[in-house]
C-alpha atoms as a PDB file:
ATOM      1  CA  MET A   1     131.162  48.245 -42.873  1.00  0.00           C
ATOM      2  CA  ASP A   2     130.096  44.617 -42.684  1.00  0.00           C
ATOM      3  CA  ILE A   3     133.439  43.617 -41.152  1.00  0.00           C
ATOM      4  CA  LYS A   4     133.096  46.213 -38.394  1.00  0.00           C
ATOM      5  CA  SER A   5     129.581  45.129 -37.497  1.00  0.00           C
ATOM      6  CA  THR A   6     130.638  41.478 -37.381  1.00  0.00           C
ATOM      7  CA  LEU A   7     133.589  42.331 -35.165  1.00  0.00           C
ATOM      8  CA  ALA A   8     131.360  44.409 -32.899  1.00  0.00           C
ATOM      9  CA  ALA A   9     128.900  41.526 -32.615  1.00  0.00           C
ATOM     10  CA  GLN A  10     131.710  39.126 -31.681  1.00  0.00           C
ATOM     11  CA  VAL A  11     133.092  41.494 -29.048  1.00  0.00           C
ATOM     12  CA  TYR A  12     129.602  42.025 -27.636  1.00  0.00           C
ATOM     13  CA  THR A  13     129.030  38.267 -27.429  1.00  0.00           C
ATOM     14  CA  GLN A  14     132.354  37.754 -25.660  1.00  0.00           C
ATOM     15  CA  ALA A  15     131.540  40.530 -23.193  1.00  0.00           C
ATOM     16  CA  GLN A  16     128.161  38.942 -22.475  1.00  0.00           C
ATOM     17  CA  LEU A  17     129.777  35.583 -21.774  1.00  0.00           C
ATOM     18  CA  ALA A  18     132.360  37.157 -19.484  1.00  0.00           C
ATOM     19  CA  ALA A  19     129.729  39.087 -17.520  1.00  0.00           C
ATOM     20  CA  ARG A  20     127.359  36.137 -17.105  1.00  0.00           C
ATOM     21  CA  PRO A  21     127.561  34.567 -13.657  1.00  0.00           C
ATOM     22  CA  SER A  22     129.036  31.102 -13.643  1.00  0.00           C
ATOM     23  CA  GLU A  23     127.048  28.070 -12.614  1.00  0.00           C
ATOM     24  CA  GLY A  24     129.042  27.757  -9.398  1.00  0.00           C
ATOM     25  CA  ALA A  25     128.535  31.395  -8.416  1.00  0.00           C
ATOM     26  CA  ARG A  26     127.729  31.892  -4.766  1.00  0.00           C
ATOM     27  CA  GLY A  27     125.723  34.525  -3.050  1.00  0.00           C
ATOM     28  CA  PRO A  28     127.014  36.665  -0.210  1.00  0.00           C
ATOM     29  CA  ALA A  29     125.718  34.286   2.450  1.00  0.00           C
ATOM     30  CA  GLU A  30     127.510  31.285   0.964  1.00  0.00           C
ATOM     31  CA  ALA A  31     130.708  33.279   0.484  1.00  0.00           C
ATOM     32  CA  PHE A  32     130.623  34.456   4.110  1.00  0.00           C
ATOM     33  CA  ALA A  33     129.989  30.906   5.333  1.00  0.00           C
ATOM     34  CA  ALA A  34     132.902  29.622   3.265  1.00  0.00           C
ATOM     35  CA  ALA A  35     135.172  32.340   4.661  1.00  0.00           C
ATOM     36  CA  ALA A  36     134.122  31.445   8.211  1.00  0.00           C
ATOM     37  CA  GLN A  37     134.835  27.767   7.552  1.00  0.00           C
ATOM     38  CA  ASP A  38     138.261  28.617   6.109  1.00  0.00           C
ATOM     39  CA  PHE A  39     138.972  30.738   9.195  1.00  0.00           C
ATOM     40  CA  MET A  40     138.070  27.913  11.545  1.00  0.00           C
ATOM     41  CA  ALA A  41     140.100  25.406   9.513  1.00  0.00           C
ATOM     42  CA  THR A  42     143.131  27.684   9.705  1.00  0.00           C
ATOM     43  CA  LEU A  43     142.750  27.960  13.484  1.00  0.00           C
ATOM     44  CA  ARG A  44     142.398  24.184  13.875  1.00  0.00           C
ATOM     45  CA  GLU A  45     145.436  23.467  11.694  1.00  0.00           C
ATOM     46  CA  GLY A  46     147.493  26.018  13.607  1.00  0.00           C
ATOM     47  CA  GLU A  47     146.454  24.530  16.920  1.00  0.00           C
ATOM     48  CA  GLU A  48     147.318  20.998  15.811  1.00  0.00           C
ATOM     49  CA  THR A  49     150.695  22.118  14.479  1.00  0.00           C
ATOM     50  CA  VAL A  50     151.531  23.916  17.719  1.00  0.00           C
ATOM     51  CA  LYS A  51     150.515  20.853  19.751  1.00  0.00           C
ATOM     52  CA  ALA A  52     152.724  18.687  17.552  1.00  0.00           C
ATOM     53  CA  GLY A  53     155.563  21.182  17.931  1.00  0.00           C
ATOM     54  CA  LEU A  54     155.267  21.130  21.716  1.00  0.00           C
ATOM     55  CA  ALA A  55     155.365  17.340  21.642  1.00  0.00           C
ATOM     56  CA  GLY A  56     158.456  17.438  19.398  1.00  0.00           C
ATOM     57  CA  ARG A  57     156.723  15.946  16.364  1.00  0.00           C
ATOM     58  CA  ALA A  58     156.778  19.113  14.217  1.00  0.00           C
ATOM     59  CA  GLU A  59     159.598  21.291  12.968  1.00  0.00           C
ATOM     60  CA  PRO A  60     159.960  24.754  14.525  1.00  0.00           C
ATOM     61  CA  GLN A  61     159.591  26.308  11.065  1.00  0.00           C
ATOM     62  CA  ALA A  62     156.178  24.637  10.639  1.00  0.00           C
ATOM     63  CA  VAL A  63     155.096  25.958  14.038  1.00  0.00           C
ATOM     64  CA  VAL A  64     156.151  29.497  13.142  1.00  0.00           C
ATOM     65  CA  GLU A  65     154.332  29.283   9.787  1.00  0.00           C
ATOM     66  CA  ALA A  66     151.193  27.973  11.486  1.00  0.00           C
ATOM     67  CA  LEU A  67     151.285  30.787  14.032  1.00  0.00           C
ATOM     68  CA  ALA A  68     151.772  33.374  11.278  1.00  0.00           C
ATOM     69  CA  ALA A  69     148.827  31.955   9.310  1.00  0.00           C
ATOM     70  CA  THR A  70     146.671  31.974  12.442  1.00  0.00           C
ATOM     71  CA  GLU A  71     147.659  35.553  13.239  1.00  0.00           C
ATOM     72  CA  LEU A  72     146.789  36.653   9.704  1.00  0.00           C
ATOM     73  CA  ALA A  73     143.420  34.878   9.888  1.00  0.00           C
ATOM     74  CA  VAL A  74     142.585  36.549  13.198  1.00  0.00           C
ATOM     75  CA  GLN A  75     143.630  39.972  11.916  1.00  0.00           C
ATOM     76  CA  THR A  76     141.429  39.482   8.849  1.00  0.00           C
ATOM     77  CA  ALA A  77     138.463  38.409  10.984  1.00  0.00           C
ATOM     78  CA  VAL A  78     138.904  41.441  13.230  1.00  0.00           C
ATOM     79  CA  ALA A  79     139.073  43.760  10.220  1.00  0.00           C
ATOM     80  CA  VAL A  80     135.872  42.279   8.789  1.00  0.00           C
ATOM     81  CA  ARG A  81     134.167  42.578  12.171  1.00  0.00           C
ATOM     82  CA  ASP A  82     135.213  46.218  12.437  1.00  0.00           C
ATOM     83  CA  LYS A  83     133.801  46.973   8.988  1.00  0.00           C
ATOM     84  CA  VAL A  84     130.505  45.262   9.843  1.00  0.00           C
ATOM     85  CA  VAL A  85     130.194  47.235  13.083  1.00  0.00           C
ATOM     86  CA  GLU A  86     131.064  50.447  11.249  1.00  0.00           C
ATOM     87  CA  ALA A  87     128.413  49.752   8.606  1.00  0.00           C
ATOM     88  CA  TYR A  88     125.827  48.955  11.285  1.00  0.00           C
ATOM     89  CA  GLN A  89     126.579  52.195  13.107  1.00  0.00           C
ATOM     90  CA  GLU A  90     126.311  54.110   9.840  1.00  0.00           C
ATOM     91  CA  ILE A  91     122.886  52.566   9.212  1.00  0.00           C
ATOM     92  CA  LEU A  92     121.774  53.599  12.701  1.00  0.00           C
ATOM     93  CA  ARG A  93     122.782  57.201  11.994  1.00  0.00           C
ATOM     94  CA  MET A  94     120.637  57.378   8.837  1.00  0.00           C
ATOM     95  CA  PRO A  95     117.521  59.500   9.154  1.00  0.00           C
ATOM     96  CA  VAL A  96     114.294  57.593   8.738  1.00  0.00           C
END
């Protein structure tokens, strides 16, 4: 019986440590700001790569990869925007 209670205490302690937020944990506002910055960085890098490709300083494969990354970033931003608009409309439909 003592072994089981000790094991249970160890498992409980490990679960507590796993569930505790880390020191570097961010809130929703910081996470959204970081995502927006990553989006803008992806667009800038894609633009620079395309400019270099047009000037002949970048490989065609790099240009295609940059365009694909930019397209994915835009599609993700549009999907997030759609979800935000949908949530806003749902809130407006709630009875007060």
